[in-house]
C-alpha atoms as a PDB file:
ATOM      1  CA  MET A   1      52.191 105.437 171.631  1.00  0.00           C
ATOM      2  CA  ASP A   2      55.329 103.305 171.609  1.00  0.00           C
ATOM      3  CA  LYS A   3      58.569 104.406 173.251  1.00  0.00           C
ATOM      4  CA  ARG A   4      60.117 105.624 169.980  1.00  0.00           C
ATOM      5  CA  GLU A   5      57.186 107.872 169.237  1.00  0.00           C
ATOM      6  CA  PHE A   6      57.243 109.081 172.853  1.00  0.00           C
ATOM      7  CA  LYS A   7      60.928 110.048 172.651  1.00  0.00           C
ATOM      8  CA  ASP A   8      60.521 111.707 169.261  1.00  0.00           C
ATOM      9  CA  LYS A   9      57.682 113.887 170.533  1.00  0.00           C
ATOM     10  CA  VAL A  10      59.491 114.898 173.728  1.00  0.00           C
ATOM     11  CA  TYR A  11      62.688 115.839 171.923  1.00  0.00           C
ATOM     12  CA  GLU A  12      60.715 117.672 169.262  1.00  0.00           C
ATOM     13  CA  GLU A  13      59.093 119.846 171.928  1.00  0.00           C
ATOM     14  CA  LEU A  14      62.438 120.502 173.616  1.00  0.00           C
ATOM     15  CA  ALA A  15      63.939 121.447 170.271  1.00  0.00           C
ATOM     16  CA  LYS A  16      61.372 124.239 169.977  1.00  0.00           C
ATOM     17  CA  ILE A  17      62.970 125.920 172.986  1.00  0.00           C
ATOM     18  CA  THR A  18      66.510 125.631 171.667  1.00  0.00           C
ATOM     19  CA  LYS A  19      65.344 126.783 168.229  1.00  0.00           C
ATOM     20  CA  SER A  20      63.726 129.878 169.734  1.00  0.00           C
ATOM     21  CA  MET A  21      67.006 130.778 171.440  1.00  0.00           C
ATOM     22  CA  ALA A  22      69.151 130.073 168.374  1.00  0.00           C
ATOM     23  CA  ASN A  23      69.409 133.705 167.317  1.00  0.00           C
ATOM     24  CA  PRO A  24      71.912 136.317 168.544  1.00  0.00           C
ATOM     25  CA  HIS A  25      69.270 139.038 168.910  1.00  0.00           C
ATOM     26  CA  ARG A  26      66.988 136.811 170.959  1.00  0.00           C
ATOM     27  CA  LEU A  27      69.866 135.852 173.248  1.00  0.00           C
ATOM     28  CA  GLU A  28      70.586 139.531 173.833  1.00  0.00           C
ATOM     29  CA  ILE A  29      66.895 140.162 174.511  1.00  0.00           C
ATOM     30  CA  ILE A  30      66.873 137.398 177.129  1.00  0.00           C
ATOM     31  CA  GLU A  31      69.892 138.951 178.823  1.00  0.00           C
ATOM     32  CA  LEU A  32      68.181 142.349 178.799  1.00  0.00           C
ATOM     33  CA  LEU A  33      64.901 140.995 180.190  1.00  0.00           C
ATOM     34  CA  ALA A  34      66.870 139.416 183.031  1.00  0.00           C
ATOM     35  CA  GLN A  35      67.218 143.002 184.312  1.00  0.00           C
ATOM     36  CA  GLY A  36      63.426 143.454 184.520  1.00  0.00           C
ATOM     37  CA  ASP A  37      60.373 144.293 182.426  1.00  0.00           C
ATOM     38  CA  PHE A  38      60.762 146.257 179.177  1.00  0.00           C
ATOM     39  CA  SER A  39      58.440 147.482 176.450  1.00  0.00           C
ATOM     40  CA  VAL A  40      59.109 146.493 172.863  1.00  0.00           C
ATOM     41  CA  GLU A  41      60.222 150.073 172.152  1.00  0.00           C
ATOM     42  CA  GLN A  42      62.736 149.958 175.002  1.00  0.00           C
ATOM     43  CA  ILE A  43      64.015 146.568 173.872  1.00  0.00           C
ATOM     44  CA  ALA A  44      64.432 147.864 170.323  1.00  0.00           C
ATOM     45  CA  GLU A  45      66.420 150.857 171.606  1.00  0.00           C
ATOM     46  CA  HIS A  46      68.744 148.772 173.802  1.00  0.00           C
ATOM     47  CA  THR A  47      69.391 146.140 171.117  1.00  0.00           C
ATOM     48  CA  ASN A  48      69.645 148.577 168.202  1.00  0.00           C
ATOM     49  CA  LEU A  49      66.823 146.827 166.342  1.00  0.00           C
ATOM     50  CA  PRO A  50      63.838 148.254 164.477  1.00  0.00           C
ATOM     51  CA  VAL A  51      60.717 147.993 166.629  1.00  0.00           C
ATOM     52  CA  ALA A  52      59.103 145.613 164.128  1.00  0.00           C
ATOM     53  CA  ASN A  53      62.083 143.249 164.278  1.00  0.00           C
ATOM     54  CA  ALA A  54      62.235 143.369 168.071  1.00  0.00           C
ATOM     55  CA  SER A  55      58.520 142.552 168.182  1.00  0.00           C
ATOM     56  CA  GLN A  56      59.017 139.547 165.888  1.00  0.00           C
ATOM     57  CA  HIS A  57      61.798 138.174 168.089  1.00  0.00           C
ATOM     58  CA  LEU A  58      59.641 138.637 171.179  1.00  0.00           C
ATOM     59  CA  GLN A  59      56.795 136.733 169.554  1.00  0.00           C
ATOM     60  CA  VAL A  60      59.125 133.802 168.856  1.00  0.00           C
ATOM     61  CA  LEU A  61      60.206 133.781 172.507  1.00  0.00           C
ATOM     62  CA  LYS A  62      56.585 134.089 173.631  1.00  0.00           C
ATOM     63  CA  VAL A  63      55.437 131.152 171.506  1.00  0.00           C
ATOM     64  CA  ALA A  64      58.226 129.091 173.099  1.00  0.00           C
ATOM     65  CA  GLN A  65      56.907 130.266 176.489  1.00  0.00           C
ATOM     66  CA  LEU A  66      60.212 131.881 177.423  1.00  0.00           C
ATOM     67  CA  VAL A  67      58.711 135.356 177.916  1.00  0.00           C
ATOM     68  CA  ASP A  68      55.434 136.610 179.329  1.00  0.00           C
ATOM     69  CA  ILE A  69      53.467 139.832 178.894  1.00  0.00           C
ATOM     70  CA  ASN A  70      52.863 142.222 181.755  1.00  0.00           C
ATOM     71  CA  ARG A  71      50.063 144.715 181.033  1.00  0.00           C
ATOM     72  CA  GLN A  72      50.170 148.025 182.876  1.00  0.00           C
ATOM     73  CA  GLY A  73      47.191 150.112 181.808  1.00  0.00           C
ATOM     74  CA  ASN A  74      47.516 150.732 178.076  1.00  0.00           C
ATOM     75  CA  PHE A  75      51.149 149.645 178.041  1.00  0.00           C
ATOM     76  CA  ILE A  76      52.574 146.179 177.427  1.00  0.00           C
ATOM     77  CA  TYR A  77      55.862 145.059 178.940  1.00  0.00           C
ATOM     78  CA  TYR A  78      57.760 141.843 178.368  1.00  0.00           C
ATOM     79  CA  ARG A  79      59.522 139.809 181.034  1.00  0.00           C
ATOM     80  CA  LEU A  80      61.172 136.413 181.344  1.00  0.00           C
ATOM     81  CA  ALA A  81      58.682 133.638 182.073  1.00  0.00           C
ATOM     82  CA  ASN A  82      60.620 132.597 185.184  1.00  0.00           C
ATOM     83  CA  SER A  83      64.125 132.349 186.605  1.00  0.00           C
ATOM     84  CA  ASN A  84      64.781 129.087 184.749  1.00  0.00           C
ATOM     85  CA  VAL A  85      64.945 131.018 181.476  1.00  0.00           C
ATOM     86  CA  PHE A  86      67.877 133.060 182.767  1.00  0.00           C
ATOM     87  CA  LYS A  87      69.458 129.911 184.232  1.00  0.00           C
ATOM     88  CA  ALA A  88      69.316 128.322 180.767  1.00  0.00           C
ATOM     89  CA  TRP A  89      70.879 131.439 179.186  1.00  0.00           C
ATOM     90  CA  LYS A  90      73.555 131.533 181.901  1.00  0.00           C
ATOM     91  CA  ALA A  91      74.378 127.843 181.343  1.00  0.00           C
ATOM     92  CA  LEU A  92      74.604 128.432 177.582  1.00  0.00           C
ATOM     93  CA  ARG A  93      76.834 131.479 178.130  1.00  0.00           C
ATOM     94  CA  GLU A  94      79.174 129.593 180.436  1.00  0.00           C
ATOM     95  CA  LEU A  95      79.279 126.561 178.137  1.00  0.00           C
ATOM     96  CA  GLY A  96      80.098 128.787 175.191  1.00  0.00           C
ATOM     97  CA  VAL A  97      82.944 130.549 177.000  1.00  0.00           C
ATOM     98  CA  GLU A  98      84.291 127.207 178.213  1.00  0.00           C
ATOM     99  CA  ARG A  99      84.029 125.183 175.011  1.00  0.00           C
ATOM    100  CA  ILE A 100      84.188 127.697 172.163  1.00  0.00           C
ATOM    101  CA  ALA A 101      87.628 129.268 172.077  1.00  0.00           C
ATOM    102  CA  THR A 102      86.452 132.038 169.756  1.00  0.00           C
ATOM    103  CA  ILE A 103      84.126 133.460 172.424  1.00  0.00           C
ATOM    104  CA  GLU A 104      86.797 133.556 175.115  1.00  0.00           C
ATOM    105  CA  LYS A 105      89.235 135.120 172.662  1.00  0.00           C
ATOM    106  CA  LEU A 106      86.707 137.759 171.567  1.00  0.00           C
ATOM    107  CA  VAL A 107      86.050 138.804 175.167  1.00  0.00           C
ATOM    108  CA  LYS A 108      89.739 138.745 176.098  1.00  0.00           C
ATOM    109  CA  ASP A 109      90.909 140.627 173.004  1.00  0.00           C
ATOM    110  CA  PHE A 110      88.186 143.267 173.316  1.00  0.00           C
ATOM    111  CA  ARG A 111      88.973 143.982 176.938  1.00  0.00           C
ATOM    112  CA  GLN A 112      92.731 143.990 176.461  1.00  0.00           C
ATOM    113  CA  SER A 113      92.471 146.362 173.521  1.00  0.00           C
ATOM    114  CA  LYS A 114      90.344 148.851 175.459  1.00  0.00           C
ATOM    115  CA  PHE A 115      90.495 148.102 179.173  1.00  0.00           C
ATOM    116  CA  LYS A 116      93.638 146.768 180.829  1.00  0.00           C
ATOM    117  CA  PHE A 117      92.477 145.505 184.237  1.00  0.00           C
ATOM    118  CA  GLU A 118      91.356 142.367 186.012  1.00  0.00           C
ATOM    119  CA  SER A 119      87.827 141.533 187.150  1.00  0.00           C
ATOM    120  CA  VAL A 120      86.481 139.908 190.313  1.00  0.00           C
ATOM    121  CA  THR A 121      83.925 137.132 190.639  1.00  0.00           C
ATOM    122  CA  ILE A 122      80.874 137.172 192.871  1.00  0.00           C
ATOM    123  CA  GLU A 123      82.664 134.887 195.314  1.00  0.00           C
ATOM    124  CA  GLU A 124      85.624 137.269 195.470  1.00  0.00           C
ATOM    125  CA  LEU A 125      83.304 140.242 195.967  1.00  0.00           C
ATOM    126  CA  LEU A 126      81.621 138.501 198.899  1.00  0.00           C
ATOM    127  CA  GLN A 127      85.036 138.059 200.503  1.00  0.00           C
ATOM    128  CA  LYS A 128      85.873 141.721 199.944  1.00  0.00           C
ATOM    129  CA  LEU A 129      82.563 142.794 201.481  1.00  0.00           C
ATOM    130  CA  GLU A 130      83.573 141.141 204.745  1.00  0.00           C
ATOM    131  CA  SER A 131      86.363 143.700 205.084  1.00  0.00           C
ATOM    132  CA  GLY A 132      83.878 146.571 204.881  1.00  0.00           C
ATOM    133  CA  LYS A 133      86.187 148.511 202.564  1.00  0.00           C
ATOM    134  CA  VAL A 134      84.311 148.058 199.307  1.00  0.00           C
ATOM    135  CA  THR A 135      81.854 150.333 197.513  1.00  0.00           C
ATOM    136  CA  ILE A 136      79.544 148.609 195.027  1.00  0.00           C
ATOM    137  CA  LEU A 137      78.670 150.728 192.000  1.00  0.00           C
ATOM    138  CA  ASP A 138      75.769 149.976 189.651  1.00  0.00           C
ATOM    139  CA  VAL A 139      76.356 151.680 186.293  1.00  0.00           C
ATOM    140  CA  ARG A 140      73.272 150.396 184.495  1.00  0.00           C
ATOM    141  CA  PRO A 141      70.514 152.848 183.501  1.00  0.00           C
ATOM    142  CA  GLN A 142      68.550 154.186 186.488  1.00  0.00           C
ATOM    143  CA  THR A 143      65.387 152.333 185.471  1.00  0.00           C
ATOM    144  CA  GLU A 144      67.199 148.987 185.668  1.00  0.00           C
ATOM    145  CA  PHE A 145      68.676 149.872 189.052  1.00  0.00           C
ATOM    146  CA  ASN A 146      65.194 150.726 190.321  1.00  0.00           C
ATOM    147  CA  LYS A 147      63.841 147.336 189.246  1.00  0.00           C
ATOM    148  CA  GLY A 148      66.452 145.543 191.331  1.00  0.00           C
ATOM    149  CA  HIS A 149      70.087 145.885 192.384  1.00  0.00           C
ATOM    150  CA  ILE A 150      72.738 144.482 194.693  1.00  0.00           C
ATOM    151  CA  ALA A 151      71.976 145.521 198.266  1.00  0.00           C
ATOM    152  CA  ASN A 152      73.677 148.778 199.292  1.00  0.00           C
ATOM    153  CA  ALA A 153      74.898 149.494 195.757  1.00  0.00           C
ATOM    154  CA  ILE A 154      75.218 153.103 194.630  1.00  0.00           C
ATOM    155  CA  SER A 155      73.559 154.001 191.346  1.00  0.00           C
ATOM    156  CA  ILE A 156      75.466 156.195 188.916  1.00  0.00           C
ATOM    157  CA  PRO A 157      74.589 155.391 185.282  1.00  0.00           C
ATOM    158  CA  ILE A 158      77.629 155.201 183.038  1.00  0.00           C
ATOM    159  CA  ASP A 159      76.665 158.322 181.078  1.00  0.00           C
ATOM    160  CA  GLU A 160      76.614 160.352 184.325  1.00  0.00           C
ATOM    161  CA  LEU A 161      79.773 158.968 185.916  1.00  0.00           C
ATOM    162  CA  LYS A 162      82.243 161.643 184.848  1.00  0.00           C
ATOM    163  CA  GLU A 163      80.072 164.389 186.332  1.00  0.00           C
ATOM    164  CA  ARG A 164      79.147 162.492 189.507  1.00  0.00           C
ATOM    165  CA  MET A 165      82.245 160.507 190.424  1.00  0.00           C
ATOM    166  CA  LYS A 166      82.934 162.849 193.361  1.00  0.00           C
ATOM    167  CA  GLU A 167      79.986 161.152 195.067  1.00  0.00           C
ATOM    168  CA  LEU A 168      82.179 158.063 195.411  1.00  0.00           C
ATOM    169  CA  PRO A 169      84.679 157.641 198.273  1.00  0.00           C
ATOM    170  CA  LYS A 170      88.349 157.319 197.370  1.00  0.00           C
ATOM    171  CA  ARG A 171      89.200 155.476 200.574  1.00  0.00           C
ATOM    172  CA  THR A 172      87.544 152.225 199.478  1.00  0.00           C
ATOM    173  CA  GLU A 173      87.873 149.941 196.491  1.00  0.00           C
ATOM    174  CA  ILE A 174      85.037 150.400 194.010  1.00  0.00           C
ATOM    175  CA  ILE A 175      83.524 147.344 192.343  1.00  0.00           C
ATOM    176  CA  ALA A 176      81.431 148.317 189.322  1.00  0.00           C
ATOM    177  CA  TYR A 177      78.852 146.003 187.809  1.00  0.00           C
ATOM    178  CA  CYS A 178      76.303 146.056 185.007  1.00  0.00           C
ATOM    179  CA  ARG A 179      74.174 143.496 183.153  1.00  0.00           C
ATOM    180  CA  GLY A 180      76.665 140.670 182.762  1.00  0.00           C
ATOM    181  CA  PRO A 181      80.006 139.525 181.339  1.00  0.00           C
ATOM    182  CA  PHE A 182      79.225 140.795 177.825  1.00  0.00           C
ATOM    183  CA  CYS A 183      78.054 144.227 179.012  1.00  0.00           C
ATOM    184  CA  VAL A 184      80.799 146.874 178.802  1.00  0.00           C
ATOM    185  CA  TYR A 185      79.281 149.581 181.006  1.00  0.00           C
ATOM    186  CA  ALA A 186      81.322 148.319 183.968  1.00  0.00           C
ATOM    187  CA  ASP A 187      84.515 148.207 181.885  1.00  0.00           C
ATOM    188  CA  GLU A 188      83.999 151.812 180.821  1.00  0.00           C
ATOM    189  CA  ALA A 189      83.301 152.838 184.423  1.00  0.00           C
ATOM    190  CA  VAL A 190      86.475 151.238 185.751  1.00  0.00           C
ATOM    191  CA  ALA A 191      88.560 152.916 183.040  1.00  0.00           C
ATOM    192  CA  ILE A 192      87.086 156.316 183.944  1.00  0.00           C
ATOM    193  CA  LEU A 193      87.564 155.817 187.682  1.00  0.00           C
ATOM    194  CA  ASN A 194      91.103 154.467 187.449  1.00  0.00           C
ATOM    195  CA  LYS A 195      92.122 157.410 185.303  1.00  0.00           C
ATOM    196  CA  ALA A 196      90.730 159.741 187.984  1.00  0.00           C
ATOM    197  CA  GLY A 197      92.771 158.084 190.713  1.00  0.00           C
ATOM    198  CA  TYR A 198      90.178 155.722 192.161  1.00  0.00           C
ATOM    199  CA  LYS A 199      90.937 152.086 192.907  1.00  0.00           C
ATOM    200  CA  ALA A 200      88.290 150.301 190.869  1.00  0.00           C
ATOM    201  CA  THR A 201      87.614 146.993 189.163  1.00  0.00           C
ATOM    202  CA  ARG A 202      84.598 145.333 187.570  1.00  0.00           C
ATOM    203  CA  LEU A 203      82.438 142.464 188.720  1.00  0.00           C
ATOM    204  CA  GLU A 204      82.791 139.687 186.170  1.00  0.00           C
ATOM    205  CA  GLU A 205      79.133 138.723 186.367  1.00  0.00           C
ATOM    206  CA  GLY A 206      76.063 140.957 186.351  1.00  0.00           C
ATOM    207  CA  PHE A 207      73.085 141.685 188.571  1.00  0.00           C
ATOM    208  CA  PRO A 208      71.009 138.686 187.359  1.00  0.00           C
ATOM    209  CA  ASP A 209      73.886 136.342 188.272  1.00  0.00           C
ATOM    210  CA  TRP A 210      73.932 137.829 191.771  1.00  0.00           C
ATOM    211  CA  GLN A 211      70.153 137.602 192.088  1.00  0.00           C
ATOM    212  CA  ILE A 212      69.957 133.996 190.904  1.00  0.00           C
ATOM    213  CA  GLN A 213      72.238 133.008 193.790  1.00  0.00           C
ATOM    214  CA  GLU A 214      69.656 134.493 196.180  1.00  0.00           C
ATOM    215  CA  LEU A 215      72.160 137.015 197.501  1.00  0.00           C
ATOM    216  CA  PRO A 216      70.866 140.264 199.082  1.00  0.00           C
ATOM    217  CA  VAL A 217      69.069 142.558 196.618  1.00  0.00           C
ATOM    218  CA  GLU A 218      67.010 145.727 196.890  1.00  0.00           C
ATOM    219  CA  VAL A 219      64.340 147.418 194.811  1.00  0.00           C
ATOM    220  CA  SER A 220      64.098 151.205 194.545  1.00  0.00           C
ATOM    221  CA  LEU A 221      60.734 152.961 194.676  1.00  0.00           C
ATOM    222  CA  ASN A 222      62.030 155.981 192.737  1.00  0.00           C
END
């Protein structure tokens, strides 16, 4: 094998990975699986895809070795192959926001049209935590919270927030978070809380971004 053939083969193999990710539904699936293991039925429900289509996308990701199967009895769950898969998705997300003006504009316009507030970064949240006057609120579905969450976070899924917001203290600032920058659960939570008189804002990133930095996390046994 000469050096040209060597390079061609290496780049061809690498291209298989980028090709497997070059689909909006598969990118969303990767972001979802960063929260934990999901069955194909659960993935289909969260991504608004027919089960057959979700299964096809998962097979593409599996062939590219980006997802693995976790068998639990008669049930099959999918998960990311390792943390590098999320790191690749995170790098792509950040590159897209930085270099493609349309993405930044879409995010900015959507939030300004529906939610008029600022967000905080993980670094800013860490600074706020030092004051001891911050309550961290996880508004993802309970199952995702159970699989892993920011240490000491309170779980109130977004669809339960209006009925349960009295569980939250008004004397501290509330930082709500969800799956990531493109997830709007946290935006909706902040809008609800601010309207009710709470001081609240959203975390710009999501739980996987926190976890990948090896910051304190917890798993619930419920």
